[in-house]
Amino acid sequence: MSEPIDEEMDIMMNKIKNPNAWPDWGKKYIYESPDGGQTVYQREFGADHSTRVQIKPEEANRND
């Protein structure tokens, strides 16, 4: 059984890859990388920097 955060990450990646399939996302996110892509963080648009969540590099770099 997969973890809830893994399921949320899969949904997020699907939304990024297929934006027209998700016309009403609700929340908007900012993606940041302080080190050129080695580490990637997500936070809700307008949220404080301290609320960011690290995304696994393999999730951010999937090409399927």
PDB file of N, CA and C in Angstrom:
ATOM      1  N   MET A   1       0.848  -1.179   0.000  1.00  0.00           N
ATOM      2  CA  MET A   1       0.000   0.000   0.000  1.00  0.00           C
ATOM      3  C   MET A   1       0.890   1.238   0.000  1.00  0.00           C
ATOM      4  N   SER A   2       0.583   2.202  -0.850  1.00  0.00           N
ATOM      5  CA  SER A   2       1.409   3.401  -0.918  1.00  0.00           C
ATOM      6  C   SER A   2       1.019   4.398   0.162  1.00  0.00           C
ATOM      7  N   GLU A   3       1.948   5.242   0.495  1.00  0.00           N
ATOM      8  CA  GLU A   3       1.743   6.263   1.510  1.00  0.00           C
ATOM      9  C   GLU A   3       0.879   7.390   0.937  1.00  0.00           C
ATOM     10  N   PRO A   4       0.071   8.056   1.776  1.00  0.00           N
ATOM     11  CA  PRO A   4      -0.764   9.167   1.295  1.00  0.00           C
ATOM     12  C   PRO A   4       0.040  10.271   0.622  1.00  0.00           C
ATOM     13  N   ILE A   5       1.233  10.585   1.129  1.00  0.00           N
ATOM     14  CA  ILE A   5       2.043  11.636   0.512  1.00  0.00           C
ATOM     15  C   ILE A   5       2.485  11.221  -0.886  1.00  0.00           C
ATOM     16  N   ASP A   6       2.771   9.921  -1.085  1.00  0.00           N
ATOM     17  CA  ASP A   6       3.145   9.432  -2.403  1.00  0.00           C
ATOM     18  C   ASP A   6       1.989   9.590  -3.382  1.00  0.00           C
ATOM     19  N   GLU A   7       0.785   9.307  -2.935  1.00  0.00           N
ATOM     20  CA  GLU A   7      -0.390   9.462  -3.786  1.00  0.00           C
ATOM     21  C   GLU A   7      -0.599  10.931  -4.148  1.00  0.00           C
ATOM     22  N   GLU A   8      -0.406  11.816  -3.168  1.00  0.00           N
ATOM     23  CA  GLU A   8      -0.542  13.248  -3.428  1.00  0.00           C
ATOM     24  C   GLU A   8       0.507  13.719  -4.429  1.00  0.00           C
ATOM     25  N   MET A   9       1.716  13.206  -4.329  1.00  0.00           N
ATOM     26  CA  MET A   9       2.783  13.578  -5.260  1.00  0.00           C
ATOM     27  C   MET A   9       2.462  13.087  -6.671  1.00  0.00           C
ATOM     28  N   ASP A  10       1.917  11.880  -6.785  1.00  0.00           N
ATOM     29  CA  ASP A  10       1.530  11.366  -8.093  1.00  0.00           C
ATOM     30  C   ASP A  10       0.457  12.247  -8.731  1.00  0.00           C
ATOM     31  N   ILE A  11      -0.505  12.672  -7.940  1.00  0.00           N
ATOM     32  CA  ILE A  11      -1.560  13.550  -8.446  1.00  0.00           C
ATOM     33  C   ILE A  11      -0.962  14.877  -8.896  1.00  0.00           C
ATOM     34  N   MET A  12      -0.073  15.438  -8.066  1.00  0.00           N
ATOM     35  CA  MET A  12       0.561  16.706  -8.405  1.00  0.00           C
ATOM     36  C   MET A  12       1.346  16.613  -9.709  1.00  0.00           C
ATOM     37  N   MET A  13       2.122  15.550  -9.871  1.00  0.00           N
ATOM     38  CA  MET A  13       2.906  15.384 -11.095  1.00  0.00           C
ATOM     39  C   MET A  13       1.993  15.216 -12.305  1.00  0.00           C
ATOM     40  N   ASN A  14       0.885  14.521 -12.142  1.00  0.00           N
ATOM     41  CA  ASN A  14      -0.071  14.359 -13.228  1.00  0.00           C
ATOM     42  C   ASN A  14      -0.674  15.707 -13.624  1.00  0.00           C
ATOM     43  N   LYS A  15      -0.958  16.541 -12.646  1.00  0.00           N
ATOM     44  CA  LYS A  15      -1.503  17.869 -12.925  1.00  0.00           C
ATOM     45  C   LYS A  15      -0.500  18.736 -13.681  1.00  0.00           C
ATOM     46  N   ILE A  16       0.772  18.635 -13.307  1.00  0.00           N
ATOM     47  CA  ILE A  16       1.806  19.415 -13.981  1.00  0.00           C
ATOM     48  C   ILE A  16       1.968  18.952 -15.429  1.00  0.00           C
ATOM     49  N   LYS A  17       1.978  17.647 -15.623  1.00  0.00           N
ATOM     50  CA  LYS A  17       2.190  17.095 -16.959  1.00  0.00           C
ATOM     51  C   LYS A  17       0.982  17.239 -17.861  1.00  0.00           C
ATOM     52  N   ASN A  18      -0.225  17.339 -17.292  1.00  0.00           N
ATOM     53  CA  ASN A  18      -1.460  17.414 -18.066  1.00  0.00           C
ATOM     54  C   ASN A  18      -2.335  18.564 -17.568  1.00  0.00           C
ATOM     55  N   PRO A  19      -1.881  19.811 -17.734  1.00  0.00           N
ATOM     56  CA  PRO A  19      -2.616  20.936 -17.133  1.00  0.00           C
ATOM     57  C   PRO A  19      -4.027  21.118 -17.687  1.00  0.00           C
ATOM     58  N   ASN A  20      -4.261  20.765 -18.923  1.00  0.00           N
ATOM     59  CA  ASN A  20      -5.596  20.946 -19.503  1.00  0.00           C
ATOM     60  C   ASN A  20      -6.610  19.938 -18.979  1.00  0.00           C
ATOM     61  N   ALA A  21      -6.133  18.874 -18.379  1.00  0.00           N
ATOM     62  CA  ALA A  21      -7.035  17.861 -17.823  1.00  0.00           C
ATOM     63  C   ALA A  21      -7.511  18.250 -16.424  1.00  0.00           C
ATOM     64  N   TRP A  22      -6.960  19.320 -15.863  1.00  0.00           N
ATOM     65  CA  TRP A  22      -7.275  19.753 -14.501  1.00  0.00           C
ATOM     66  C   TRP A  22      -7.649  21.234 -14.521  1.00  0.00           C
ATOM     67  N   PRO A  23      -8.804  21.582 -15.066  1.00  0.00           N
ATOM     68  CA  PRO A  23      -9.141  23.007 -15.215  1.00  0.00           C
ATOM     69  C   PRO A  23      -9.369  23.749 -13.903  1.00  0.00           C
ATOM     70  N   ASP A  24      -9.737  23.065 -12.849  1.00  0.00           N
ATOM     71  CA  ASP A  24     -10.026  23.752 -11.583  1.00  0.00           C
ATOM     72  C   ASP A  24      -9.182  23.157 -10.475  1.00  0.00           C
ATOM     73  N   TRP A  25      -7.920  23.511 -10.438  1.00  0.00           N
ATOM     74  CA  TRP A  25      -7.009  22.954  -9.454  1.00  0.00           C
ATOM     75  C   TRP A  25      -7.319  23.409  -8.051  1.00  0.00           C
ATOM     76  N   GLY A  26      -7.850  24.608  -7.908  1.00  0.00           N
ATOM     77  CA  GLY A  26      -8.037  25.153  -6.568  1.00  0.00           C
ATOM     78  C   GLY A  26      -6.766  25.838  -6.113  1.00  0.00           C
ATOM     79  N   LYS A  27      -5.878  25.112  -5.480  1.00  0.00           N
ATOM     80  CA  LYS A  27      -4.639  25.681  -4.972  1.00  0.00           C
ATOM     81  C   LYS A  27      -3.597  25.800  -6.078  1.00  0.00           C
ATOM     82  N   LYS A  28      -2.785  26.835  -5.980  1.00  0.00           N
ATOM     83  CA  LYS A  28      -1.666  27.045  -6.902  1.00  0.00           C
ATOM     84  C   LYS A  28      -0.377  26.887  -6.105  1.00  0.00           C
ATOM     85  N   TYR A  29       0.649  26.334  -6.741  1.00  0.00           N
ATOM     86  CA  TYR A  29       1.896  26.056  -6.045  1.00  0.00           C
ATOM     87  C   TYR A  29       3.084  26.694  -6.731  1.00  0.00           C
ATOM     88  N   ILE A  30       4.107  26.974  -5.940  1.00  0.00           N
ATOM     89  CA  ILE A  30       5.393  27.453  -6.413  1.00  0.00           C
ATOM     90  C   ILE A  30       6.386  26.321  -6.187  1.00  0.00           C
ATOM     91  N   TYR A  31       7.258  26.106  -7.181  1.00  0.00           N
ATOM     92  CA  TYR A  31       8.291  25.081  -7.075  1.00  0.00           C
ATOM     93  C   TYR A  31       9.640  25.792  -7.070  1.00  0.00           C
ATOM     94  N   GLU A  32      10.467  25.459  -6.071  1.00  0.00           N
ATOM     95  CA  GLU A  32      11.748  26.137  -5.900  1.00  0.00           C
ATOM     96  C   GLU A  32      12.869  25.114  -5.755  1.00  0.00           C
ATOM     97  N   SER A  33      14.044  25.480  -6.272  1.00  0.00           N
ATOM     98  CA  SER A  33      15.222  24.651  -6.089  1.00  0.00           C
ATOM     99  C   SER A  33      16.404  25.556  -5.772  1.00  0.00           C
ATOM    100  N   PRO A  34      16.914  25.464  -4.545  1.00  0.00           N
ATOM    101  CA  PRO A  34      18.031  26.322  -4.164  1.00  0.00           C
ATOM    102  C   PRO A  34      19.383  25.876  -4.720  1.00  0.00           C
ATOM    103  N   ASP A  35      19.408  24.685  -5.330  1.00  0.00           N
ATOM    104  CA  ASP A  35      20.688  24.128  -5.760  1.00  0.00           C
ATOM    105  C   ASP A  35      20.667  23.612  -7.196  1.00  0.00           C
ATOM    106  N   GLY A  36      19.924  24.279  -8.059  1.00  0.00           N
ATOM    107  CA  GLY A  36      19.930  23.921  -9.476  1.00  0.00           C
ATOM    108  C   GLY A  36      19.224  22.621  -9.811  1.00  0.00           C
ATOM    109  N   GLY A  37      18.291  22.191  -9.005  1.00  0.00           N
ATOM    110  CA  GLY A  37      17.508  21.001  -9.322  1.00  0.00           C
ATOM    111  C   GLY A  37      17.837  19.766  -8.513  1.00  0.00           C
ATOM    112  N   GLN A  38      18.900  19.812  -7.722  1.00  0.00           N
ATOM    113  CA  GLN A  38      19.231  18.666  -6.875  1.00  0.00           C
ATOM    114  C   GLN A  38      18.134  18.426  -5.837  1.00  0.00           C
ATOM    115  N   THR A  39      17.630  19.519  -5.267  1.00  0.00           N
ATOM    116  CA  THR A  39      16.571  19.479  -4.267  1.00  0.00           C
ATOM    117  C   THR A  39      15.443  20.370  -4.768  1.00  0.00           C
ATOM    118  N   VAL A  40      14.208  19.879  -4.750  1.00  0.00           N
ATOM    119  CA  VAL A  40      13.068  20.656  -5.221  1.00  0.00           C
ATOM    120  C   VAL A  40      12.034  20.742  -4.107  1.00  0.00           C
ATOM    121  N   TYR A  41      11.515  21.950  -3.911  1.00  0.00           N
ATOM    122  CA  TYR A  41      10.510  22.192  -2.883  1.00  0.00           C
ATOM    123  C   TYR A  41       9.234  22.723  -3.515  1.00  0.00           C
ATOM    124  N   GLN A  42       8.107  22.415  -2.894  1.00  0.00           N
ATOM    125  CA  GLN A  42       6.791  22.906  -3.309  1.00  0.00           C
ATOM    126  C   GLN A  42       6.174  23.649  -2.133  1.00  0.00           C
ATOM    127  N   ARG A  43       5.531  24.776  -2.434  1.00  0.00           N
ATOM    128  CA  ARG A  43       4.741  25.462  -1.408  1.00  0.00           C
ATOM    129  C   ARG A  43       3.562  26.127  -2.093  1.00  0.00           C
ATOM    130  N   GLU A  44       2.505  26.320  -1.343  1.00  0.00           N
ATOM    131  CA  GLU A  44       1.318  26.960  -1.894  1.00  0.00           C
ATOM    132  C   GLU A  44       1.646  28.414  -2.217  1.00  0.00           C
ATOM    133  N   PHE A  45       1.124  28.891  -3.347  1.00  0.00           N
ATOM    134  CA  PHE A  45       1.353  30.264  -3.769  1.00  0.00           C
ATOM    135  C   PHE A  45       0.923  31.216  -2.661  1.00  0.00           C
ATOM    136  N   GLY A  46       1.804  32.128  -2.295  1.00  0.00           N
ATOM    137  CA  GLY A  46       1.507  33.102  -1.255  1.00  0.00           C
ATOM    138  C   GLY A  46       1.798  32.622   0.158  1.00  0.00           C
ATOM    139  N   ALA A  47       2.117  31.333   0.313  1.00  0.00           N
ATOM    140  CA  ALA A  47       2.394  30.786   1.646  1.00  0.00           C
ATOM    141  C   ALA A  47       3.807  31.156   2.081  1.00  0.00           C
ATOM    142  N   ASP A  48       4.028  31.147   3.375  1.00  0.00           N
ATOM    143  CA  ASP A  48       5.341  31.430   3.917  1.00  0.00           C
ATOM    144  C   ASP A  48       6.349  30.375   3.471  1.00  0.00           C
ATOM    145  N   HIS A  49       7.569  30.815   3.274  1.00  0.00           N
ATOM    146  CA  HIS A  49       8.664  29.940   2.850  1.00  0.00           C
ATOM    147  C   HIS A  49       8.824  28.718   3.763  1.00  0.00           C
ATOM    148  N   SER A  50       8.502  28.870   5.031  1.00  0.00           N
ATOM    149  CA  SER A  50       8.672  27.781   5.997  1.00  0.00           C
ATOM    150  C   SER A  50       7.666  26.645   5.807  1.00  0.00           C
ATOM    151  N   THR A  51       6.652  26.850   4.963  1.00  0.00           N
ATOM    152  CA  THR A  51       5.633  25.812   4.745  1.00  0.00           C
ATOM    153  C   THR A  51       5.979  24.884   3.585  1.00  0.00           C
ATOM    154  N   ARG A  52       7.120  25.100   2.956  1.00  0.00           N
ATOM    155  CA  ARG A  52       7.475  24.298   1.781  1.00  0.00           C
ATOM    156  C   ARG A  52       7.670  22.832   2.140  1.00  0.00           C
ATOM    157  N   VAL A  53       7.472  21.967   1.133  1.00  0.00           N
ATOM    158  CA  VAL A  53       7.611  20.522   1.284  1.00  0.00           C
ATOM    159  C   VAL A  53       8.600  20.047   0.237  1.00  0.00           C
ATOM    160  N   GLN A  54       9.558  19.238   0.652  1.00  0.00           N
ATOM    161  CA  GLN A  54      10.535  18.723  -0.298  1.00  0.00           C
ATOM    162  C   GLN A  54       9.905  17.638  -1.161  1.00  0.00           C
ATOM    163  N   ILE A  55      10.181  17.701  -2.460  1.00  0.00           N
ATOM    164  CA  ILE A  55       9.720  16.707  -3.418  1.00  0.00           C
ATOM    165  C   ILE A  55      10.904  15.798  -3.734  1.00  0.00           C
ATOM    166  N   LYS A  56      10.655  14.515  -3.814  1.00  0.00           N
ATOM    167  CA  LYS A  56      11.707  13.576  -4.162  1.00  0.00           C
ATOM    168  C   LYS A  56      12.205  13.880  -5.571  1.00  0.00           C
ATOM    169  N   PRO A  57      13.544  13.926  -5.784  1.00  0.00           N
ATOM    170  CA  PRO A  57      14.059  14.228  -7.120  1.00  0.00           C
ATOM    171  C   PRO A  57      13.539  13.284  -8.195  1.00  0.00           C
ATOM    172  N   GLU A  58      13.379  11.998  -7.870  1.00  0.00           N
ATOM    173  CA  GLU A  58      12.875  11.049  -8.879  1.00  0.00           C
ATOM    174  C   GLU A  58      11.429  11.370  -9.267  1.00  0.00           C
ATOM    175  N   GLU A  59      10.663  11.976  -8.367  1.00  0.00           N
ATOM    176  CA  GLU A  59       9.293  12.374  -8.686  1.00  0.00           C
ATOM    177  C   GLU A  59       9.293  13.607  -9.583  1.00  0.00           C
ATOM    178  N   ALA A  60      10.185  14.529  -9.341  1.00  0.00           N
ATOM    179  CA  ALA A  60      10.238  15.761 -10.118  1.00  0.00           C
ATOM    180  C   ALA A  60      10.802  15.537 -11.503  1.00  0.00           C
ATOM    181  N   ASN A  61      11.575  14.479 -11.700  1.00  0.00           N
ATOM    182  CA  ASN A  61      12.256  14.259 -12.977  1.00  0.00           C
ATOM    183  C   ASN A  61      11.652  13.144 -13.821  1.00  0.00           C
ATOM    184  N   ARG A  62      10.490  12.649 -13.458  1.00  0.00           N
ATOM    185  CA  ARG A  62       9.850  11.572 -14.242  1.00  0.00           C
ATOM    186  C   ARG A  62       9.490  12.082 -15.618  1.00  0.00           C
ATOM    187  N   ASN A  63       9.654  11.261 -16.630  1.00  0.00           N
ATOM    188  CA  ASN A  63       9.339  11.639 -18.008  1.00  0.00           C
ATOM    189  C   ASN A  63       8.283  10.746 -18.635  1.00  0.00           C
ATOM    190  N   ASP A  64       7.366  10.176 -17.847  1.00  0.00           N
ATOM    191  CA  ASP A  64       6.363   9.268 -18.432  1.00  0.00           C
ATOM    192  C   ASP A  64       5.122   9.972 -18.835  1.00  0.00           C
TER     193      ASP A  64
END
